[in-house]
PDB file of N, CA and C in Angstrom:
ATOM      1  N   UNK A   1       0.776  -1.198   0.110  1.00  0.00           N
ATOM      2  CA  UNK A   1      -0.038  -0.038  -0.051  1.00  0.00           C
ATOM      3  C   UNK A   1       0.888   1.190  -0.084  1.00  0.00           C
ATOM      4  N   UNK A   2       1.960   1.260   0.872  1.00  0.00           N
ATOM      5  CA  UNK A   2       2.969   2.358   0.814  1.00  0.00           C
ATOM      6  C   UNK A   2       3.608   2.738  -0.522  1.00  0.00           C
ATOM      7  N   UNK A   3       3.975   1.528  -0.956  1.00  0.00           N
ATOM      8  CA  UNK A   3       4.734   1.619  -2.219  1.00  0.00           C
ATOM      9  C   UNK A   3       3.834   2.193  -3.497  1.00  0.00           C
ATOM     10  N   UNK A   4       2.598   1.629  -3.375  1.00  0.00           N
ATOM     11  CA  UNK A   4       1.760   2.532  -4.384  1.00  0.00           C
ATOM     12  C   UNK A   4       1.277   3.961  -3.997  1.00  0.00           C
ATOM     13  N   UNK A   5       1.150   4.410  -2.682  1.00  0.00           N
ATOM     14  CA  UNK A   5       1.038   5.515  -2.575  1.00  0.00           C
ATOM     15  C   UNK A   5       2.310   6.465  -2.896  1.00  0.00           C
ATOM     16  N   UNK A   6       3.390   5.999  -2.579  1.00  0.00           N
ATOM     17  CA  UNK A   6       4.638   6.814  -3.398  1.00  0.00           C
ATOM     18  C   UNK A   6       4.712   7.022  -4.641  1.00  0.00           C
ATOM     19  N   UNK A   7       4.311   5.867  -5.525  1.00  0.00           N
ATOM     20  CA  UNK A   7       4.161   5.845  -7.009  1.00  0.00           C
ATOM     21  C   UNK A   7       3.192   7.046  -7.444  1.00  0.00           C
ATOM     22  N   UNK A   8       1.987   6.956  -6.582  1.00  0.00           N
ATOM     23  CA  UNK A   8       0.717   7.666  -7.219  1.00  0.00           C
ATOM     24  C   UNK A   8       0.003   8.380  -5.865  1.00  0.00           C
ATOM     25  N   UNK A   9       0.466   9.397  -5.187  1.00  0.00           N
ATOM     26  CA  UNK A   9       0.227  10.004  -4.154  1.00  0.00           C
ATOM     27  C   UNK A   9      -1.465  10.074  -4.046  1.00  0.00           C
ATOM     28  N   UNK A  10      -2.084   9.839  -2.954  1.00  0.00           N
ATOM     29  CA  UNK A  10      -3.638   9.994  -2.943  1.00  0.00           C
ATOM     30  C   UNK A  10      -3.908  11.562  -2.599  1.00  0.00           C
ATOM     31  N   UNK A  11      -4.901  12.036  -3.144  1.00  0.00           N
ATOM     32  CA  UNK A  11      -5.489  13.629  -2.794  1.00  0.00           C
ATOM     33  C   UNK A  11      -4.320  14.740  -3.462  1.00  0.00           C
ATOM     34  N   UNK A  12      -3.416  14.131  -4.509  1.00  0.00           N
ATOM     35  CA  UNK A  12      -2.476  15.133  -4.760  1.00  0.00           C
ATOM     36  C   UNK A  12      -3.081  15.179  -6.354  1.00  0.00           C
ATOM     37  N   UNK A  13      -3.358  16.204  -7.034  1.00  0.00           N
ATOM     38  CA  UNK A  13      -3.566  16.479  -8.400  1.00  0.00           C
ATOM     39  C   UNK A  13      -2.380  16.539  -9.184  1.00  0.00           C
ATOM     40  N   UNK A  14      -1.828  15.655  -9.550  1.00  0.00           N
ATOM     41  CA  UNK A  14      -0.579  15.521 -10.464  1.00  0.00           C
ATOM     42  C   UNK A  14      -0.426  16.497 -11.616  1.00  0.00           C
ATOM     43  N   UNK A  15      -1.626  16.195 -12.452  1.00  0.00           N
ATOM     44  CA  UNK A  15      -1.489  17.069 -13.902  1.00  0.00           C
ATOM     45  C   UNK A  15      -2.470  18.091 -14.042  1.00  0.00           C
ATOM     46  N   UNK A  16      -2.945  18.650 -13.105  1.00  0.00           N
ATOM     47  CA  UNK A  16      -3.895  19.783 -12.850  1.00  0.00           C
ATOM     48  C   UNK A  16      -5.095  19.837 -13.787  1.00  0.00           C
ATOM     49  N   UNK A  17      -5.969  18.532 -13.699  1.00  0.00           N
ATOM     50  CA  UNK A  17      -6.917  18.294 -14.273  1.00  0.00           C
ATOM     51  C   UNK A  17      -8.270  18.177 -13.443  1.00  0.00           C
ATOM     52  N   UNK A  18      -7.940  18.696 -12.122  1.00  0.00           N
ATOM     53  CA  UNK A  18      -8.981  18.760 -11.100  1.00  0.00           C
ATOM     54  C   UNK A  18      -9.420  17.557 -10.398  1.00  0.00           C
ATOM     55  N   UNK A  19      -8.669  16.257 -10.805  1.00  0.00           N
ATOM     56  CA  UNK A  19      -8.948  15.032 -10.274  1.00  0.00           C
ATOM     57  C   UNK A  19      -7.751  14.634  -9.256  1.00  0.00           C
ATOM     58  N   UNK A  20      -8.159  14.356  -7.845  1.00  0.00           N
ATOM     59  CA  UNK A  20      -7.373  14.182  -6.903  1.00  0.00           C
ATOM     60  C   UNK A  20      -7.347  12.621  -6.583  1.00  0.00           C
ATOM     61  N   UNK A  21      -8.197  11.738  -7.028  1.00  0.00           N
ATOM     62  CA  UNK A  21      -8.093  10.478  -6.977  1.00  0.00           C
ATOM     63  C   UNK A  21      -9.403  10.195  -6.179  1.00  0.00           C
ATOM     64  N   UNK A  22      -9.631   8.850  -5.676  1.00  0.00           N
ATOM     65  CA  UNK A  22     -10.664   8.399  -4.980  1.00  0.00           C
ATOM     66  C   UNK A  22     -10.604   8.694  -3.530  1.00  0.00           C
ATOM     67  N   UNK A  23     -11.768   8.822  -2.795  1.00  0.00           N
ATOM     68  CA  UNK A  23     -11.928   9.332  -1.483  1.00  0.00           C
ATOM     69  C   UNK A  23     -13.051   8.659  -0.939  1.00  0.00           C
ATOM     70  N   UNK A  24     -13.106   8.800   0.408  1.00  0.00           N
ATOM     71  CA  UNK A  24     -14.128   8.204   1.334  1.00  0.00           C
ATOM     72  C   UNK A  24     -14.366   9.467   2.571  1.00  0.00           C
ATOM     73  N   UNK A  25     -15.610   9.623   2.544  1.00  0.00           N
ATOM     74  CA  UNK A  25     -16.135  10.771   3.498  1.00  0.00           C
ATOM     75  C   UNK A  25     -16.491   9.844   5.043  1.00  0.00           C
ATOM     76  N   UNK A  26     -15.614  10.290   5.887  1.00  0.00           N
ATOM     77  CA  UNK A  26     -16.100   9.584   7.380  1.00  0.00           C
ATOM     78  C   UNK A  26     -16.651  10.804   7.895  1.00  0.00           C
ATOM     79  N   UNK A  27     -17.987  10.746   8.486  1.00  0.00           N
ATOM     80  CA  UNK A  27     -18.666  11.674   9.281  1.00  0.00           C
ATOM     81  C   UNK A  27     -18.650  11.200  10.652  1.00  0.00           C
ATOM     82  N   UNK A  28     -18.410  11.929  11.616  1.00  0.00           N
ATOM     83  CA  UNK A  28     -18.452  11.429  12.917  1.00  0.00           C
ATOM     84  C   UNK A  28     -19.725  12.123  13.645  1.00  0.00           C
ATOM     85  N   UNK A  29     -19.903  13.391  13.535  1.00  0.00           N
ATOM     86  CA  UNK A  29     -20.790  13.926  14.237  1.00  0.00           C
ATOM     87  C   UNK A  29     -22.113  14.255  13.248  1.00  0.00           C
ATOM     88  N   UNK A  30     -23.274  13.783  13.762  1.00  0.00           N
ATOM     89  CA  UNK A  30     -24.348  13.827  13.005  1.00  0.00           C
ATOM     90  C   UNK A  30     -25.645  14.466  14.029  1.00  0.00           C
ATOM     91  N   UNK A  31     -26.590  15.049  13.272  1.00  0.00           N
ATOM     92  CA  UNK A  31     -27.708  15.338  13.964  1.00  0.00           C
ATOM     93  C   UNK A  31     -28.988  15.224  13.295  1.00  0.00           C
ATOM     94  N   UNK A  32     -30.085  14.949  13.715  1.00  0.00           N
ATOM     95  CA  UNK A  32     -31.447  14.577  13.224  1.00  0.00           C
ATOM     96  C   UNK A  32     -31.879  16.125  12.775  1.00  0.00           C
ATOM     97  N   UNK A  33     -31.897  15.957  11.239  1.00  0.00           N
ATOM     98  CA  UNK A  33     -32.306  17.615  10.826  1.00  0.00           C
ATOM     99  C   UNK A  33     -33.741  17.666  10.996  1.00  0.00           C
ATOM    100  N   UNK A  34     -34.553  16.830  10.203  1.00  0.00           N
ATOM    101  CA  UNK A  34     -35.965  16.619  10.245  1.00  0.00           C
ATOM    102  C   UNK A  34     -36.466  15.381  10.096  1.00  0.00           C
ATOM    103  N   UNK A  35     -37.607  14.757  10.500  1.00  0.00           N
ATOM    104  CA  UNK A  35     -37.956  13.581  10.103  1.00  0.00           C
ATOM    105  C   UNK A  35     -39.253  13.889   9.209  1.00  0.00           C
ATOM    106  N   UNK A  36     -39.555  13.101   8.063  1.00  0.00           N
ATOM    107  CA  UNK A  36     -40.265  13.241   6.965  1.00  0.00           C
ATOM    108  C   UNK A  36     -41.094  12.169   7.019  1.00  0.00           C
ATOM    109  N   UNK A  37     -42.438  12.261   6.636  1.00  0.00           N
ATOM    110  CA  UNK A  37     -43.356  11.359   6.140  1.00  0.00           C
ATOM    111  C   UNK A  37     -43.854  11.389   4.687  1.00  0.00           C
ATOM    112  N   UNK A  38     -43.422  10.687   3.789  1.00  0.00           N
ATOM    113  CA  UNK A  38     -43.849  10.974   2.402  1.00  0.00           C
ATOM    114  C   UNK A  38     -45.375  10.801   2.243  1.00  0.00           C
ATOM    115  N   UNK A  39     -45.972  11.797   1.631  1.00  0.00           N
ATOM    116  CA  UNK A  39     -47.454  11.639   1.397  1.00  0.00           C
ATOM    117  C   UNK A  39     -48.075  10.408   0.796  1.00  0.00           C
ATOM    118  N   UNK A  40     -47.207   9.857  -0.068  1.00  0.00           N
ATOM    119  CA  UNK A  40     -47.672   8.682  -0.721  1.00  0.00           C
ATOM    120  C   UNK A  40     -47.613   7.302   0.252  1.00  0.00           C
ATOM    121  N   UNK A  41     -47.012   7.294   1.053  1.00  0.00           N
ATOM    122  CA  UNK A  41     -46.622   6.056   1.851  1.00  0.00           C
ATOM    123  C   UNK A  41     -46.950   6.432   3.333  1.00  0.00           C
ATOM    124  N   UNK A  42     -47.856   6.290   3.903  1.00  0.00           N
ATOM    125  CA  UNK A  42     -48.109   6.765   5.317  1.00  0.00           C
ATOM    126  C   UNK A  42     -47.245   6.071   6.475  1.00  0.00           C
ATOM    127  N   UNK A  43     -46.684   4.787   6.108  1.00  0.00           N
ATOM    128  CA  UNK A  43     -46.373   3.936   7.077  1.00  0.00           C
ATOM    129  C   UNK A  43     -44.785   4.035   6.882  1.00  0.00           C
ATOM    130  N   UNK A  44     -44.210   4.921   6.092  1.00  0.00           N
ATOM    131  CA  UNK A  44     -42.742   4.998   5.958  1.00  0.00           C
ATOM    132  C   UNK A  44     -42.493   6.417   6.280  1.00  0.00           C
ATOM    133  N   UNK A  45     -41.304   6.432   7.284  1.00  0.00           N
ATOM    134  CA  UNK A  45     -40.690   7.476   7.949  1.00  0.00           C
ATOM    135  C   UNK A  45     -39.511   7.837   7.432  1.00  0.00           C
ATOM    136  N   UNK A  46     -39.081   8.999   6.995  1.00  0.00           N
ATOM    137  CA  UNK A  46     -37.830   9.077   6.145  1.00  0.00           C
ATOM    138  C   UNK A  46     -36.988  10.203   7.088  1.00  0.00           C
ATOM    139  N   UNK A  47     -35.703   9.941   7.669  1.00  0.00           N
ATOM    140  CA  UNK A  47     -35.054  10.651   8.746  1.00  0.00           C
ATOM    141  C   UNK A  47     -33.832  11.195   8.082  1.00  0.00           C
ATOM    142  N   UNK A  48     -34.009  12.642   7.845  1.00  0.00           N
ATOM    143  CA  UNK A  48     -32.853  13.261   7.322  1.00  0.00           C
ATOM    144  C   UNK A  48     -31.932  13.900   7.994  1.00  0.00           C
ATOM    145  N   UNK A  49     -30.528  13.400   8.062  1.00  0.00           N
ATOM    146  CA  UNK A  49     -29.428  13.794   8.684  1.00  0.00           C
ATOM    147  C   UNK A  49     -28.782  14.972   8.450  1.00  0.00           C
ATOM    148  N   UNK A  50     -28.169  15.681   9.391  1.00  0.00           N
ATOM    149  CA  UNK A  50     -27.590  16.819   9.224  1.00  0.00           C
ATOM    150  C   UNK A  50     -25.875  16.574   9.627  1.00  0.00           C
ATOM    151  N   UNK A  51     -24.999  16.618   8.782  1.00  0.00           N
ATOM    152  CA  UNK A  51     -23.538  16.045   9.081  1.00  0.00           C
ATOM    153  C   UNK A  51     -22.817  17.536   9.519  1.00  0.00           C
ATOM    154  N   UNK A  52     -22.437  17.455  10.731  1.00  0.00           N
ATOM    155  CA  UNK A  52     -21.710  18.686  11.502  1.00  0.00           C
ATOM    156  C   UNK A  52     -20.157  18.514  10.935  1.00  0.00           C
ATOM    157  N   UNK A  53     -19.600  17.372  11.003  1.00  0.00           N
ATOM    158  CA  UNK A  53     -18.126  17.192  10.934  1.00  0.00           C
ATOM    159  C   UNK A  53     -17.696  16.049  10.127  1.00  0.00           C
ATOM    160  N   UNK A  54     -16.995  16.244   9.044  1.00  0.00           N
ATOM    161  CA  UNK A  54     -16.733  14.967   8.081  1.00  0.00           C
ATOM    162  C   UNK A  54     -15.232  15.048   7.766  1.00  0.00           C
ATOM    163  N   UNK A  55     -14.748  14.072   7.555  1.00  0.00           N
ATOM    164  CA  UNK A  55     -13.118  14.102   7.265  1.00  0.00           C
ATOM    165  C   UNK A  55     -12.974  13.287   5.855  1.00  0.00           C
ATOM    166  N   UNK A  56     -12.117  13.759   4.964  1.00  0.00           N
ATOM    167  CA  UNK A  56     -11.985  13.171   3.736  1.00  0.00           C
ATOM    168  C   UNK A  56     -10.733  12.165   3.844  1.00  0.00           C
ATOM    169  N   UNK A  57     -10.864  10.895   3.515  1.00  0.00           N
ATOM    170  CA  UNK A  57      -9.830   9.991   3.426  1.00  0.00           C
ATOM    171  C   UNK A  57      -9.641   9.553   2.263  1.00  0.00           C
ATOM    172  N   UNK A  58      -8.318  10.132   1.740  1.00  0.00           N
ATOM    173  CA  UNK A  58      -8.027   9.515   0.247  1.00  0.00           C
ATOM    174  C   UNK A  58      -7.317   8.351   0.155  1.00  0.00           C
ATOM    175  N   UNK A  59      -7.837   7.352  -0.633  1.00  0.00           N
ATOM    176  CA  UNK A  59      -7.190   5.980  -0.639  1.00  0.00           C
ATOM    177  C   UNK A  59      -6.544   5.569  -2.152  1.00  0.00           C
ATOM    178  N   UNK A  60      -6.712   6.520  -2.928  1.00  0.00           N
ATOM    179  CA  UNK A  60      -6.312   6.111  -4.530  1.00  0.00           C
ATOM    180  C   UNK A  60      -5.999   7.284  -4.998  1.00  0.00           C
ATOM    181  N   UNK A  61      -4.734   7.250  -5.638  1.00  0.00           N
ATOM    182  CA  UNK A  61      -4.333   8.494  -6.542  1.00  0.00           C
ATOM    183  C   UNK A  61      -5.205   8.857  -7.920  1.00  0.00           C
ATOM    184  N   UNK A  62      -4.551   9.609  -8.777  1.00  0.00           N
ATOM    185  CA  UNK A  62      -5.273  10.132  -9.875  1.00  0.00           C
ATOM    186  C   UNK A  62      -4.717   9.405 -11.083  1.00  0.00           C
ATOM    187  N   UNK A  63      -3.775   8.217 -10.886  1.00  0.00           N
ATOM    188  CA  UNK A  63      -3.245   7.283 -12.122  1.00  0.00           C
ATOM    189  C   UNK A  63      -2.187   8.160 -12.670  1.00  0.00           C
ATOM    190  N   UNK A  64      -1.630   9.160 -12.268  1.00  0.00           N
ATOM    191  CA  UNK A  64      -0.468   9.784 -12.745  1.00  0.00           C
ATOM    192  C   UNK A  64       0.425   9.779 -11.774  1.00  0.00           C
ATOM    193  N   UNK A  65       1.721   8.984 -12.150  1.00  0.00           N
ATOM    194  CA  UNK A  65       2.825   8.878 -11.277  1.00  0.00           C
ATOM    195  C   UNK A  65       3.523  10.213 -10.599  1.00  0.00           C
ATOM    196  N   UNK A  66       3.533  10.221  -9.233  1.00  0.00           N
ATOM    197  CA  UNK A  66       4.205  11.232  -8.705  1.00  0.00           C
ATOM    198  C   UNK A  66       5.689  10.987  -8.076  1.00  0.00           C
ATOM    199  N   UNK A  67       5.795   9.931  -7.501  1.00  0.00           N
ATOM    200  CA  UNK A  67       7.051   9.290  -7.091  1.00  0.00           C
ATOM    201  C   UNK A  67       7.484  10.389  -5.884  1.00  0.00           C
ATOM    202  N   UNK A  68       6.533  10.574  -4.976  1.00  0.00           N
ATOM    203  CA  UNK A  68       7.080  11.526  -3.950  1.00  0.00           C
ATOM    204  C   UNK A  68       6.630  10.742  -2.587  1.00  0.00           C
ATOM    205  N   UNK A  69       7.751  10.589  -1.859  1.00  0.00           N
ATOM    206  CA  UNK A  69       7.608   9.773  -0.601  1.00  0.00           C
ATOM    207  C   UNK A  69       7.457  11.027   0.569  1.00  0.00           C
ATOM    208  N   UNK A  70       7.544  10.491   1.726  1.00  0.00           N
ATOM    209  CA  UNK A  70       7.411  11.474   2.954  1.00  0.00           C
ATOM    210  C   UNK A  70       8.525  12.386   2.891  1.00  0.00           C
ATOM    211  N   UNK A  71       8.186  13.490   3.420  1.00  0.00           N
ATOM    212  CA  UNK A  71       9.322  14.452   3.483  1.00  0.00           C
ATOM    213  C   UNK A  71       9.722  14.845   4.791  1.00  0.00           C
ATOM    214  N   UNK A  72      10.814  15.574   5.156  1.00  0.00           N
ATOM    215  CA  UNK A  72      11.084  15.660   6.571  1.00  0.00           C
ATOM    216  C   UNK A  72      10.299  17.014   6.844  1.00  0.00           C
ATOM    217  N   UNK A  73      10.139  17.114   8.242  1.00  0.00           N
ATOM    218  CA  UNK A  73       9.171  18.188   8.452  1.00  0.00           C
ATOM    219  C   UNK A  73      10.239  19.557   8.469  1.00  0.00           C
ATOM    220  N   UNK A  74       9.303  20.748   8.184  1.00  0.00           N
ATOM    221  CA  UNK A  74      10.111  21.898   8.073  1.00  0.00           C
ATOM    222  C   UNK A  74      10.908  22.497   9.308  1.00  0.00           C
ATOM    223  N   UNK A  75      12.159  23.199   9.243  1.00  0.00           N
ATOM    224  CA  UNK A  75      13.024  23.557  10.144  1.00  0.00           C
ATOM    225  C   UNK A  75      12.216  24.433  11.168  1.00  0.00           C
ATOM    226  N   UNK A  76      12.753  24.491  12.289  1.00  0.00           N
ATOM    227  CA  UNK A  76      11.945  25.644  13.136  1.00  0.00           C
ATOM    228  C   UNK A  76      12.516  26.958  12.924  1.00  0.00           C
ATOM    229  N   UNK A  77      11.580  27.798  13.111  1.00  0.00           N
ATOM    230  CA  UNK A  77      12.034  29.118  12.813  1.00  0.00           C
ATOM    231  C   UNK A  77      12.376  29.931  14.080  1.00  0.00           C
ATOM    232  N   UNK A  78      12.971  29.418  14.802  1.00  0.00           N
ATOM    233  CA  UNK A  78      13.620  29.835  16.183  1.00  0.00           C
ATOM    234  C   UNK A  78      15.016  29.736  16.185  1.00  0.00           C
ATOM    235  N   UNK A  79      15.941  30.417  16.830  1.00  0.00           N
ATOM    236  CA  UNK A  79      17.387  30.280  17.140  1.00  0.00           C
ATOM    237  C   UNK A  79      17.670  30.098  18.438  1.00  0.00           C
ATOM    238  N   UNK A  80      18.442  29.191  18.645  1.00  0.00           N
ATOM    239  CA  UNK A  80      19.273  29.260  19.887  1.00  0.00           C
ATOM    240  C   UNK A  80      20.553  30.083  20.145  1.00  0.00           C
ATOM    241  N   UNK A  81      20.448  31.192  21.230  1.00  0.00           N
ATOM    242  CA  UNK A  81      21.457  31.989  21.305  1.00  0.00           C
ATOM    243  C   UNK A  81      22.219  31.863  22.935  1.00  0.00           C
ATOM    244  N   UNK A  82      23.435  31.751  22.752  1.00  0.00           N
ATOM    245  CA  UNK A  82      23.987  31.414  23.869  1.00  0.00           C
ATOM    246  C   UNK A  82      24.229  32.976  24.500  1.00  0.00           C
ATOM    247  N   UNK A  83      23.733  33.179  25.934  1.00  0.00           N
ATOM    248  CA  UNK A  83      23.821  34.065  26.529  1.00  0.00           C
ATOM    249  C   UNK A  83      25.119  34.320  27.476  1.00  0.00           C
ATOM    250  N   UNK A  84      26.082  33.595  27.293  1.00  0.00           N
ATOM    251  CA  UNK A  84      27.270  33.582  28.304  1.00  0.00           C
ATOM    252  C   UNK A  84      28.352  34.291  27.378  1.00  0.00           C
ATOM    253  N   UNK A  85      29.560  34.923  28.342  1.00  0.00           N
ATOM    254  CA  UNK A  85      30.509  35.322  27.606  1.00  0.00           C
ATOM    255  C   UNK A  85      31.800  34.472  27.686  1.00  0.00           C
ATOM    256  N   UNK A  86      32.395  34.634  26.515  1.00  0.00           N
ATOM    257  CA  UNK A  86      33.812  33.830  26.622  1.00  0.00           C
ATOM    258  C   UNK A  86      34.840  34.775  27.126  1.00  0.00           C
ATOM    259  N   UNK A  87      35.996  34.112  27.998  1.00  0.00           N
ATOM    260  CA  UNK A  87      36.978  34.980  28.091  1.00  0.00           C
ATOM    261  C   UNK A  87      38.407  34.082  28.002  1.00  0.00           C
ATOM    262  N   UNK A  88      39.530  34.730  27.802  1.00  0.00           N
ATOM    263  CA  UNK A  88      40.765  33.672  27.367  1.00  0.00           C
ATOM    264  C   UNK A  88      41.709  34.038  28.632  1.00  0.00           C
TER     265      UNK A  88
END
C-alpha cells in the first residue's frame, strides 16, 4: 500500500485536471435535521441527517505517477542564542 502511495500520491492532483483520486467521507458528528413522512406512503418515515463534521480519507491517487515519498518536517523558525561570555 505504501509503495503504491509513493508511486501515485492520494489526494494530489499531478496533472492539474482537478482530479485528486478516490476518497471516502467519514462523518463522525451527526444530528437529526428533520423527520419526514412521504405523502404517498403513510407507514414510511424518512429521517434526514445533518452532518456537522466530516473528514476526507484519500485512498487512491489520480493514476498519474508522482514518485514522492514522505518529506522531512520543516525546520523551526527559532534560533538558540548563548547568553554567556567567553574569556581567554
